[in-house]
Amino acid sequence: MKKIIFLFFTLLFFLSPLYSASKYELNVEIKETIKEFKKQVKGSNELLKKAKGVLVFPNVYKAGFGIGGEYGEGALLINKKIVDYYNIVSASIGFQLGVQKKSIVILFMNNKVLKDFRNSDGWKVGVDGSVAIVKWGVGEDVNTLDIKDPVIGFIFNNKGLMYNLTLEGSKISKIKK
């Protein structure tokens, strides 16, 4: 089993650059993802205005056959400007089969959590910081929710918000573009 896990992560490590977009392509995808986020999440404009930083991963790919892996690239925006680029990586073992593509938007709601994130050397969700994944009903406005968490996450795809997903165990690291 250890050999299979090692093989999987080695393959993921060497194949991940093949899935990475150029800096220009990634910038365009980030802008489109924010537009889609605003379209799908009623009240998101106010939430985005309150956020001290917005981390956007336009295309996160997850694949699994017993052993799964996830990889995506994105950027941190402060005052609507890209300040750094990041990747997100995670692995899982258990019943899983197939491929999935999703987008992730993470909002840092105060300066302390944003500073902690930016100063980390690889930020592991659930260890270095907790991300509250927002869940609500269709047509509900996020402004009607009592969201007080310092880090808020949204997971969605082109078909809408994805329910009951987690980012626990994902590692987010700064990359050069």
N, C-alpha and C. Protein backbone atom coordinates (compact mmCIF):
# COMPACT_ATOMS: atom_id res chain seq x y z
N MET A 1 0.82 -1.19 0.00
CA MET A 1 0.00 0.00 0.00
C MET A 1 0.87 1.26 0.00
N LYS A 2 1.96 1.25 0.76
CA LYS A 2 2.85 2.41 0.82
C LYS A 2 3.45 2.71 -0.56
N LYS A 3 3.74 1.67 -1.33
CA LYS A 3 4.30 1.86 -2.67
C LYS A 3 3.28 2.53 -3.59
N ILE A 4 2.03 2.14 -3.45
CA ILE A 4 0.97 2.73 -4.28
C ILE A 4 0.80 4.20 -3.93
N ILE A 5 0.79 4.52 -2.64
CA ILE A 5 0.67 5.91 -2.22
C ILE A 5 1.85 6.73 -2.72
N PHE A 6 3.07 6.18 -2.58
CA PHE A 6 4.26 6.88 -3.06
C PHE A 6 4.18 7.10 -4.57
N LEU A 7 3.77 6.08 -5.32
CA LEU A 7 3.64 6.18 -6.77
C LEU A 7 2.62 7.25 -7.15
N PHE A 8 1.50 7.26 -6.44
CA PHE A 8 0.45 8.24 -6.73
C PHE A 8 0.97 9.66 -6.53
N PHE A 9 1.62 9.92 -5.39
CA PHE A 9 2.11 11.27 -5.12
C PHE A 9 3.25 11.66 -6.05
N THR A 10 4.07 10.72 -6.44
CA THR A 10 5.12 11.01 -7.40
C THR A 10 4.50 11.40 -8.74
N LEU A 11 3.51 10.65 -9.18
CA LEU A 11 2.81 10.96 -10.42
C LEU A 11 2.13 12.32 -10.34
N LEU A 12 1.46 12.60 -9.23
CA LEU A 12 0.80 13.89 -9.03
C LEU A 12 1.82 15.03 -9.06
N PHE A 13 2.98 14.83 -8.43
CA PHE A 13 4.02 15.86 -8.40
C PHE A 13 4.53 16.18 -9.80
N PHE A 14 4.77 15.15 -10.61
CA PHE A 14 5.31 15.38 -11.94
C PHE A 14 4.28 15.83 -12.96
N LEU A 15 3.03 15.45 -12.76
CA LEU A 15 1.98 15.84 -13.70
C LEU A 15 1.38 17.20 -13.39
N SER A 16 1.48 17.68 -12.15
CA SER A 16 0.84 18.96 -11.80
C SER A 16 1.31 20.13 -12.65
N PRO A 17 2.59 20.24 -13.05
CA PRO A 17 2.96 21.35 -13.94
C PRO A 17 2.25 21.30 -15.29
N LEU A 18 1.84 20.11 -15.74
CA LEU A 18 1.13 20.00 -17.00
C LEU A 18 -0.24 20.65 -16.93
N TYR A 19 -0.82 20.69 -15.73
CA TYR A 19 -2.14 21.27 -15.54
C TYR A 19 -2.09 22.75 -15.17
N SER A 20 -0.89 23.29 -15.00
CA SER A 20 -0.80 24.69 -14.58
C SER A 20 -0.94 25.61 -15.78
N ALA A 21 -1.69 26.67 -15.56
CA ALA A 21 -1.92 27.67 -16.60
C ALA A 21 -0.81 28.70 -16.55
N SER A 22 -0.65 29.43 -17.64
CA SER A 22 0.31 30.53 -17.64
C SER A 22 -0.21 31.61 -16.70
N LYS A 23 0.65 32.54 -16.35
CA LYS A 23 0.25 33.63 -15.46
C LYS A 23 -0.92 34.41 -16.07
N TYR A 24 -0.85 34.69 -17.36
CA TYR A 24 -1.92 35.43 -18.03
C TYR A 24 -3.23 34.65 -18.00
N GLU A 25 -3.16 33.36 -18.35
CA GLU A 25 -4.37 32.52 -18.35
C GLU A 25 -4.98 32.43 -16.96
N LEU A 26 -4.13 32.27 -15.96
CA LEU A 26 -4.61 32.17 -14.58
C LEU A 26 -5.28 33.48 -14.15
N ASN A 27 -4.70 34.61 -14.51
CA ASN A 27 -5.30 35.90 -14.17
C ASN A 27 -6.70 36.05 -14.77
N VAL A 28 -6.85 35.63 -16.03
CA VAL A 28 -8.15 35.69 -16.70
C VAL A 28 -9.14 34.76 -16.01
N GLU A 29 -8.70 33.54 -15.68
CA GLU A 29 -9.57 32.57 -15.01
C GLU A 29 -10.01 33.07 -13.63
N ILE A 30 -9.12 33.77 -12.93
CA ILE A 30 -9.45 34.31 -11.61
C ILE A 30 -10.55 35.35 -11.74
N LYS A 31 -10.42 36.25 -12.70
CA LYS A 31 -11.45 37.27 -12.92
C LYS A 31 -12.80 36.63 -13.25
N GLU A 32 -12.79 35.61 -14.10
CA GLU A 32 -14.02 34.91 -14.47
C GLU A 32 -14.63 34.18 -13.27
N THR A 33 -13.78 33.61 -12.42
CA THR A 33 -14.26 32.89 -11.24
C THR A 33 -14.93 33.86 -10.27
N ILE A 34 -14.37 35.04 -10.10
CA ILE A 34 -14.98 36.04 -9.22
C ILE A 34 -16.33 36.48 -9.79
N LYS A 35 -16.42 36.65 -11.11
CA LYS A 35 -17.70 37.00 -11.74
C LYS A 35 -18.73 35.89 -11.48
N GLU A 36 -18.32 34.64 -11.64
CA GLU A 36 -19.22 33.51 -11.41
C GLU A 36 -19.63 33.42 -9.94
N PHE A 37 -18.69 33.69 -9.06
CA PHE A 37 -18.98 33.70 -7.62
C PHE A 37 -20.04 34.74 -7.30
N LYS A 38 -19.88 35.94 -7.84
CA LYS A 38 -20.86 37.01 -7.61
C LYS A 38 -22.23 36.64 -8.17
N LYS A 39 -22.22 35.94 -9.31
CA LYS A 39 -23.48 35.54 -9.95
C LYS A 39 -24.20 34.46 -9.13
N GLN A 40 -23.44 33.51 -8.60
CA GLN A 40 -24.05 32.37 -7.91
C GLN A 40 -24.38 32.66 -6.45
N VAL A 41 -23.64 33.58 -5.82
CA VAL A 41 -23.80 33.81 -4.39
C VAL A 41 -24.41 35.20 -4.17
N LYS A 42 -25.71 35.22 -3.90
CA LYS A 42 -26.38 36.50 -3.66
C LYS A 42 -25.79 37.17 -2.42
N GLY A 43 -25.48 38.45 -2.55
CA GLY A 43 -24.92 39.20 -1.42
C GLY A 43 -23.41 39.11 -1.32
N SER A 44 -22.79 38.45 -2.28
CA SER A 44 -21.34 38.26 -2.20
C SER A 44 -20.56 39.57 -2.36
N ASN A 45 -21.13 40.56 -3.06
CA ASN A 45 -20.43 41.83 -3.24
C ASN A 45 -20.08 42.46 -1.89
N GLU A 46 -21.03 42.47 -0.96
CA GLU A 46 -20.78 43.04 0.36
C GLU A 46 -19.73 42.25 1.12
N LEU A 47 -19.80 40.93 1.00
CA LEU A 47 -18.83 40.07 1.67
C LEU A 47 -17.43 40.30 1.11
N LEU A 48 -17.33 40.42 -0.21
CA LEU A 48 -16.03 40.69 -0.84
C LEU A 48 -15.47 42.04 -0.41
N LYS A 49 -16.32 43.03 -0.24
CA LYS A 49 -15.87 44.36 0.20
C LYS A 49 -15.32 44.32 1.62
N LYS A 50 -15.92 43.48 2.48
CA LYS A 50 -15.48 43.37 3.87
C LYS A 50 -14.19 42.57 4.02
N ALA A 51 -13.93 41.66 3.08
CA ALA A 51 -12.77 40.77 3.18
C ALA A 51 -11.47 41.56 3.05
N LYS A 52 -10.49 41.19 3.87
CA LYS A 52 -9.16 41.81 3.81
C LYS A 52 -8.31 41.17 2.71
N GLY A 53 -8.65 39.93 2.35
CA GLY A 53 -7.97 39.21 1.29
C GLY A 53 -8.88 38.15 0.72
N VAL A 54 -8.73 37.87 -0.58
CA VAL A 54 -9.56 36.88 -1.26
C VAL A 54 -8.63 35.93 -2.01
N LEU A 55 -8.68 34.65 -1.66
CA LEU A 55 -7.88 33.63 -2.30
C LEU A 55 -8.78 32.88 -3.28
N VAL A 56 -8.41 32.86 -4.55
CA VAL A 56 -9.25 32.29 -5.60
C VAL A 56 -8.50 31.16 -6.32
N PHE A 57 -9.12 30.00 -6.35
CA PHE A 57 -8.63 28.86 -7.14
C PHE A 57 -9.69 28.56 -8.20
N PRO A 58 -9.47 28.99 -9.44
CA PRO A 58 -10.49 28.81 -10.49
C PRO A 58 -10.75 27.35 -10.86
N ASN A 59 -9.70 26.56 -10.93
CA ASN A 59 -9.84 25.17 -11.38
C ASN A 59 -9.05 24.25 -10.46
N VAL A 60 -9.76 23.56 -9.60
CA VAL A 60 -9.15 22.58 -8.73
C VAL A 60 -9.63 21.21 -9.21
N TYR A 61 -8.68 20.38 -9.59
CA TYR A 61 -9.02 19.06 -10.14
C TYR A 61 -8.79 18.00 -9.08
N LYS A 62 -9.78 17.14 -8.93
CA LYS A 62 -9.69 16.03 -7.99
C LYS A 62 -9.93 14.75 -8.77
N ALA A 63 -9.06 13.77 -8.57
CA ALA A 63 -9.22 12.48 -9.22
C ALA A 63 -8.94 11.39 -8.20
N GLY A 64 -9.64 10.30 -8.34
CA GLY A 64 -9.41 9.22 -7.41
C GLY A 64 -9.90 7.89 -7.90
N PHE A 65 -9.17 6.89 -7.49
CA PHE A 65 -9.56 5.50 -7.69
C PHE A 65 -9.04 4.78 -6.45
N GLY A 66 -9.79 4.85 -5.36
CA GLY A 66 -9.32 4.33 -4.08
C GLY A 66 -8.44 5.34 -3.38
N ILE A 67 -7.39 5.76 -4.07
CA ILE A 67 -6.50 6.81 -3.58
C ILE A 67 -6.80 8.03 -4.43
N GLY A 68 -6.99 9.17 -3.77
CA GLY A 68 -7.34 10.38 -4.51
C GLY A 68 -6.35 11.50 -4.28
N GLY A 69 -6.34 12.42 -5.21
CA GLY A 69 -5.50 13.61 -5.09
C GLY A 69 -6.21 14.80 -5.68
N GLU A 70 -5.78 15.96 -5.26
CA GLU A 70 -6.41 17.21 -5.70
C GLU A 70 -5.30 18.23 -5.93
N TYR A 71 -5.46 19.02 -7.01
CA TYR A 71 -4.46 20.05 -7.30
C TYR A 71 -5.13 21.21 -8.02
N GLY A 72 -4.70 22.41 -7.67
CA GLY A 72 -5.17 23.60 -8.36
C GLY A 72 -4.26 24.77 -8.08
N GLU A 73 -4.32 25.78 -8.94
CA GLU A 73 -3.52 26.98 -8.76
C GLU A 73 -4.43 28.19 -8.73
N GLY A 74 -4.01 29.20 -7.97
CA GLY A 74 -4.81 30.41 -7.86
C GLY A 74 -3.97 31.56 -7.36
N ALA A 75 -4.65 32.58 -6.84
CA ALA A 75 -3.95 33.77 -6.39
C ALA A 75 -4.68 34.43 -5.24
N LEU A 76 -3.92 35.18 -4.46
CA LEU A 76 -4.46 35.99 -3.37
C LEU A 76 -4.62 37.41 -3.87
N LEU A 77 -5.83 37.94 -3.69
CA LEU A 77 -6.11 39.32 -4.07
C LEU A 77 -6.31 40.16 -2.81
N ILE A 78 -5.68 41.32 -2.80
CA ILE A 78 -5.87 42.30 -1.74
C ILE A 78 -6.21 43.60 -2.44
N ASN A 79 -7.33 44.21 -2.05
CA ASN A 79 -7.82 45.42 -2.72
C ASN A 79 -7.98 45.19 -4.23
N LYS A 80 -8.50 44.01 -4.59
CA LYS A 80 -8.79 43.61 -5.97
C LYS A 80 -7.56 43.45 -6.85
N LYS A 81 -6.36 43.42 -6.26
CA LYS A 81 -5.12 43.24 -7.01
C LYS A 81 -4.43 41.95 -6.57
N ILE A 82 -3.90 41.21 -7.55
CA ILE A 82 -3.18 39.98 -7.25
C ILE A 82 -1.85 40.32 -6.60
N VAL A 83 -1.61 39.73 -5.40
CA VAL A 83 -0.36 39.99 -4.69
C VAL A 83 0.56 38.77 -4.65
N ASP A 84 0.00 37.55 -4.70
CA ASP A 84 0.79 36.32 -4.68
C ASP A 84 0.01 35.20 -5.35
N TYR A 85 0.75 34.20 -5.84
CA TYR A 85 0.14 33.02 -6.45
C TYR A 85 0.34 31.82 -5.52
N TYR A 86 -0.64 30.91 -5.54
CA TYR A 86 -0.63 29.76 -4.64
C TYR A 86 -1.11 28.51 -5.36
N ASN A 87 -0.75 27.34 -4.78
CA ASN A 87 -1.38 26.10 -5.22
C ASN A 87 -2.05 25.45 -4.02
N ILE A 88 -2.98 24.57 -4.30
CA ILE A 88 -3.66 23.80 -3.27
C ILE A 88 -3.50 22.33 -3.63
N VAL A 89 -3.10 21.53 -2.63
CA VAL A 89 -2.84 20.11 -2.85
C VAL A 89 -3.45 19.35 -1.68
N SER A 90 -4.08 18.23 -1.98
CA SER A 90 -4.54 17.34 -0.92
C SER A 90 -4.60 15.92 -1.43
N ALA A 91 -4.67 15.00 -0.50
CA ALA A 91 -4.75 13.58 -0.85
C ALA A 91 -5.76 12.91 0.06
N SER A 92 -6.30 11.79 -0.41
CA SER A 92 -7.26 11.05 0.40
C SER A 92 -7.23 9.58 0.05
N ILE A 93 -7.61 8.79 1.01
CA ILE A 93 -7.70 7.34 0.81
C ILE A 93 -9.11 6.93 1.23
N GLY A 94 -9.71 6.04 0.47
CA GLY A 94 -11.06 5.57 0.79
C GLY A 94 -11.86 5.39 -0.48
N PHE A 95 -13.13 5.14 -0.33
CA PHE A 95 -13.98 4.90 -1.49
C PHE A 95 -14.12 6.18 -2.30
N GLN A 96 -13.58 6.16 -3.50
CA GLN A 96 -13.69 7.28 -4.44
C GLN A 96 -13.38 6.78 -5.83
N LEU A 97 -14.07 7.33 -6.78
CA LEU A 97 -13.87 6.94 -8.16
C LEU A 97 -14.33 8.09 -9.04
N GLY A 98 -13.45 8.54 -9.90
CA GLY A 98 -13.83 9.57 -10.85
C GLY A 98 -12.98 10.82 -10.78
N VAL A 99 -13.44 11.82 -11.53
CA VAL A 99 -12.73 13.09 -11.66
C VAL A 99 -13.73 14.20 -11.41
N GLN A 100 -13.28 15.25 -10.78
CA GLN A 100 -14.14 16.39 -10.47
C GLN A 100 -13.35 17.68 -10.64
N LYS A 101 -14.02 18.72 -11.12
CA LYS A 101 -13.41 20.04 -11.22
C LYS A 101 -14.28 21.00 -10.44
N LYS A 102 -13.64 21.84 -9.63
CA LYS A 102 -14.39 22.81 -8.84
C LYS A 102 -13.59 24.10 -8.71
N SER A 103 -14.27 25.13 -8.26
CA SER A 103 -13.63 26.40 -7.97
C SER A 103 -13.76 26.65 -6.47
N ILE A 104 -12.75 27.33 -5.91
CA ILE A 104 -12.74 27.63 -4.49
C ILE A 104 -12.44 29.11 -4.30
N VAL A 105 -13.22 29.76 -3.44
CA VAL A 105 -12.98 31.14 -3.04
C VAL A 105 -12.89 31.14 -1.52
N ILE A 106 -11.77 31.65 -1.00
CA ILE A 106 -11.56 31.73 0.44
C ILE A 106 -11.40 33.20 0.81
N LEU A 107 -12.20 33.65 1.78
CA LEU A 107 -12.18 35.04 2.22
C LEU A 107 -11.53 35.15 3.60
N PHE A 108 -10.54 36.01 3.71
CA PHE A 108 -9.90 36.32 4.98
C PHE A 108 -10.54 37.60 5.50
N MET A 109 -11.26 37.50 6.62
CA MET A 109 -12.11 38.59 7.06
C MET A 109 -11.45 39.56 8.04
N ASN A 110 -10.22 39.26 8.47
CA ASN A 110 -9.51 40.24 9.30
C ASN A 110 -8.03 40.20 8.98
N ASN A 111 -7.33 41.24 9.38
CA ASN A 111 -5.91 41.38 9.04
C ASN A 111 -5.03 40.34 9.71
N LYS A 112 -5.40 39.89 10.92
CA LYS A 112 -4.57 38.92 11.61
C LYS A 112 -4.52 37.59 10.86
N VAL A 113 -5.69 37.06 10.47
CA VAL A 113 -5.69 35.77 9.77
C VAL A 113 -5.04 35.89 8.40
N LEU A 114 -5.20 37.04 7.75
CA LEU A 114 -4.55 37.26 6.46
C LEU A 114 -3.03 37.28 6.63
N LYS A 115 -2.56 37.98 7.65
CA LYS A 115 -1.11 38.05 7.92
C LYS A 115 -0.56 36.67 8.26
N ASP A 116 -1.27 35.92 9.10
CA ASP A 116 -0.83 34.56 9.46
C ASP A 116 -0.73 33.69 8.21
N PHE A 117 -1.72 33.79 7.34
CA PHE A 117 -1.71 33.01 6.09
C PHE A 117 -0.50 33.40 5.23
N ARG A 118 -0.31 34.68 5.02
CA ARG A 118 0.77 35.16 4.15
C ARG A 118 2.15 34.84 4.71
N ASN A 119 2.29 34.77 6.03
CA ASN A 119 3.58 34.49 6.65
C ASN A 119 3.86 33.01 6.83
N SER A 120 2.89 32.16 6.48
CA SER A 120 3.09 30.73 6.66
C SER A 120 3.95 30.15 5.54
N ASP A 121 4.60 29.06 5.87
CA ASP A 121 5.38 28.34 4.88
C ASP A 121 4.60 27.07 4.52
N GLY A 122 3.52 27.26 3.78
CA GLY A 122 2.61 26.16 3.49
C GLY A 122 1.54 26.10 4.56
N TRP A 123 0.36 26.57 4.24
CA TRP A 123 -0.75 26.72 5.19
C TRP A 123 -1.64 25.50 5.07
N LYS A 124 -1.74 24.72 6.13
CA LYS A 124 -2.54 23.50 6.09
C LYS A 124 -3.88 23.76 6.75
N VAL A 125 -4.95 23.57 5.98
CA VAL A 125 -6.31 23.81 6.48
C VAL A 125 -6.62 22.81 7.58
N GLY A 126 -7.11 23.33 8.70
CA GLY A 126 -7.43 22.50 9.84
C GLY A 126 -6.29 22.41 10.84
N VAL A 127 -5.07 22.79 10.43
CA VAL A 127 -3.92 22.80 11.33
C VAL A 127 -3.48 24.24 11.57
N ASP A 128 -3.12 24.93 10.50
CA ASP A 128 -2.68 26.32 10.61
C ASP A 128 -3.86 27.29 10.67
N GLY A 129 -4.98 26.88 10.18
CA GLY A 129 -6.17 27.72 10.20
C GLY A 129 -7.38 26.91 9.80
N SER A 130 -8.51 27.31 10.31
CA SER A 130 -9.76 26.63 9.99
C SER A 130 -10.55 27.46 9.00
N VAL A 131 -11.14 26.81 8.02
CA VAL A 131 -11.96 27.50 7.02
C VAL A 131 -13.40 27.05 7.20
N ALA A 132 -14.28 28.00 7.47
CA ALA A 132 -15.70 27.70 7.59
C ALA A 132 -16.30 27.66 6.19
N ILE A 133 -16.76 26.50 5.77
CA ILE A 133 -17.40 26.36 4.46
C ILE A 133 -18.85 26.80 4.60
N VAL A 134 -19.24 27.80 3.81
CA VAL A 134 -20.58 28.35 3.90
C VAL A 134 -21.55 27.46 3.13
N LYS A 135 -22.67 27.14 3.78
CA LYS A 135 -23.73 26.34 3.16
C LYS A 135 -25.03 27.09 3.34
N TRP A 136 -25.80 27.22 2.30
CA TRP A 136 -27.11 27.87 2.40
C TRP A 136 -27.98 27.41 1.25
N GLY A 137 -29.23 27.77 1.33
CA GLY A 137 -30.21 27.33 0.35
C GLY A 137 -30.19 28.17 -0.91
N VAL A 138 -30.74 27.63 -1.98
CA VAL A 138 -30.84 28.31 -3.26
C VAL A 138 -31.64 29.59 -3.07
N GLY A 139 -31.13 30.67 -3.59
CA GLY A 139 -31.82 31.95 -3.54
C GLY A 139 -31.59 32.71 -2.25
N GLU A 140 -30.95 32.08 -1.25
CA GLU A 140 -30.70 32.76 0.01
C GLU A 140 -29.54 33.73 -0.15
N ASP A 141 -29.64 34.87 0.49
CA ASP A 141 -28.64 35.92 0.42
C ASP A 141 -27.64 35.71 1.55
N VAL A 142 -26.30 35.70 1.26
CA VAL A 142 -25.32 35.48 2.31
C VAL A 142 -25.37 36.59 3.35
N ASN A 143 -25.88 37.75 3.01
CA ASN A 143 -25.99 38.83 3.99
C ASN A 143 -27.01 38.52 5.07
N THR A 144 -27.89 37.55 4.82
CA THR A 144 -28.88 37.18 5.83
C THR A 144 -28.30 36.18 6.82
N LEU A 145 -27.14 35.63 6.51
CA LEU A 145 -26.50 34.66 7.41
C LEU A 145 -25.65 35.39 8.42
N ASP A 146 -25.51 34.84 9.59
CA ASP A 146 -24.70 35.43 10.64
C ASP A 146 -23.30 34.81 10.56
N ILE A 147 -22.49 35.31 9.65
CA ILE A 147 -21.15 34.76 9.42
C ILE A 147 -20.15 35.59 10.23
N LYS A 148 -19.53 34.93 11.21
CA LYS A 148 -18.56 35.63 12.06
C LYS A 148 -17.19 34.97 12.00
N ASP A 149 -17.04 33.94 11.20
CA ASP A 149 -15.77 33.23 11.13
C ASP A 149 -14.71 34.11 10.47
N PRO A 150 -13.45 33.99 10.92
CA PRO A 150 -12.39 34.81 10.34
C PRO A 150 -11.95 34.38 8.93
N VAL A 151 -12.16 33.10 8.60
CA VAL A 151 -11.83 32.60 7.27
C VAL A 151 -13.05 31.84 6.75
N ILE A 152 -13.54 32.26 5.58
CA ILE A 152 -14.77 31.70 5.03
C ILE A 152 -14.47 31.12 3.64
N GLY A 153 -14.96 29.92 3.38
CA GLY A 153 -14.73 29.28 2.10
C GLY A 153 -16.01 28.98 1.35
N PHE A 154 -15.93 29.08 0.04
CA PHE A 154 -17.03 28.72 -0.86
C PHE A 154 -16.47 27.76 -1.89
N ILE A 155 -17.17 26.66 -2.11
CA ILE A 155 -16.77 25.67 -3.11
C ILE A 155 -17.92 25.55 -4.10
N PHE A 156 -17.62 25.75 -5.37
CA PHE A 156 -18.68 25.70 -6.38
C PHE A 156 -18.10 25.26 -7.72
N ASN A 157 -19.01 24.96 -8.64
CA ASN A 157 -18.62 24.66 -10.01
C ASN A 157 -19.58 25.38 -10.94
N ASN A 158 -19.49 25.12 -12.23
CA ASN A 158 -20.34 25.84 -13.17
C ASN A 158 -21.82 25.46 -13.04
N LYS A 159 -22.12 24.46 -12.23
CA LYS A 159 -23.52 24.06 -12.03
C LYS A 159 -24.07 24.60 -10.71
N GLY A 160 -23.25 25.27 -9.93
CA GLY A 160 -23.73 25.83 -8.67
C GLY A 160 -22.85 25.45 -7.50
N LEU A 161 -23.30 25.85 -6.33
CA LEU A 161 -22.55 25.57 -5.11
C LEU A 161 -22.54 24.08 -4.83
N MET A 162 -21.42 23.62 -4.32
CA MET A 162 -21.27 22.21 -4.01
C MET A 162 -21.46 22.04 -2.51
N TYR A 163 -22.35 21.16 -2.12
CA TYR A 163 -22.74 21.01 -0.73
C TYR A 163 -21.92 19.92 -0.04
N ASN A 164 -21.69 20.14 1.24
CA ASN A 164 -21.08 19.14 2.12
C ASN A 164 -19.67 18.74 1.69
N LEU A 165 -18.89 19.70 1.23
CA LEU A 165 -17.50 19.44 0.91
C LEU A 165 -16.63 20.09 1.96
N THR A 166 -15.39 19.69 2.02
CA THR A 166 -14.47 20.23 3.02
C THR A 166 -13.12 20.54 2.38
N LEU A 167 -12.38 21.40 3.03
CA LEU A 167 -11.01 21.69 2.62
C LEU A 167 -10.02 21.13 3.63
N GLU A 168 -10.53 20.47 4.68
CA GLU A 168 -9.68 19.93 5.73
C GLU A 168 -8.58 19.07 5.13
N GLY A 169 -7.36 19.28 5.58
CA GLY A 169 -6.22 18.51 5.11
C GLY A 169 -5.57 19.05 3.86
N SER A 170 -6.16 20.05 3.24
CA SER A 170 -5.55 20.66 2.05
C SER A 170 -4.38 21.54 2.48
N LYS A 171 -3.34 21.54 1.68
CA LYS A 171 -2.19 22.39 1.95
C LYS A 171 -2.11 23.44 0.85
N ILE A 172 -2.00 24.68 1.27
CA ILE A 172 -1.92 25.82 0.35
C ILE A 172 -0.54 26.43 0.47
N SER A 173 0.19 26.49 -0.65
CA SER A 173 1.57 26.99 -0.65
C SER A 173 1.78 28.05 -1.71
N LYS A 174 2.65 29.00 -1.41
CA LYS A 174 2.98 30.06 -2.35
C LYS A 174 3.81 29.49 -3.49
N ILE A 175 3.53 29.92 -4.71
CA ILE A 175 4.29 29.49 -5.89
C ILE A 175 4.73 30.71 -6.69
N LYS A 176 5.67 30.51 -7.56
CA LYS A 176 6.12 31.59 -8.45
C LYS A 176 5.43 31.43 -9.79
N LYS A 177 4.98 32.52 -10.36
CA LYS A 177 4.35 32.51 -11.69
C LYS A 177 5.07 33.48 -12.57
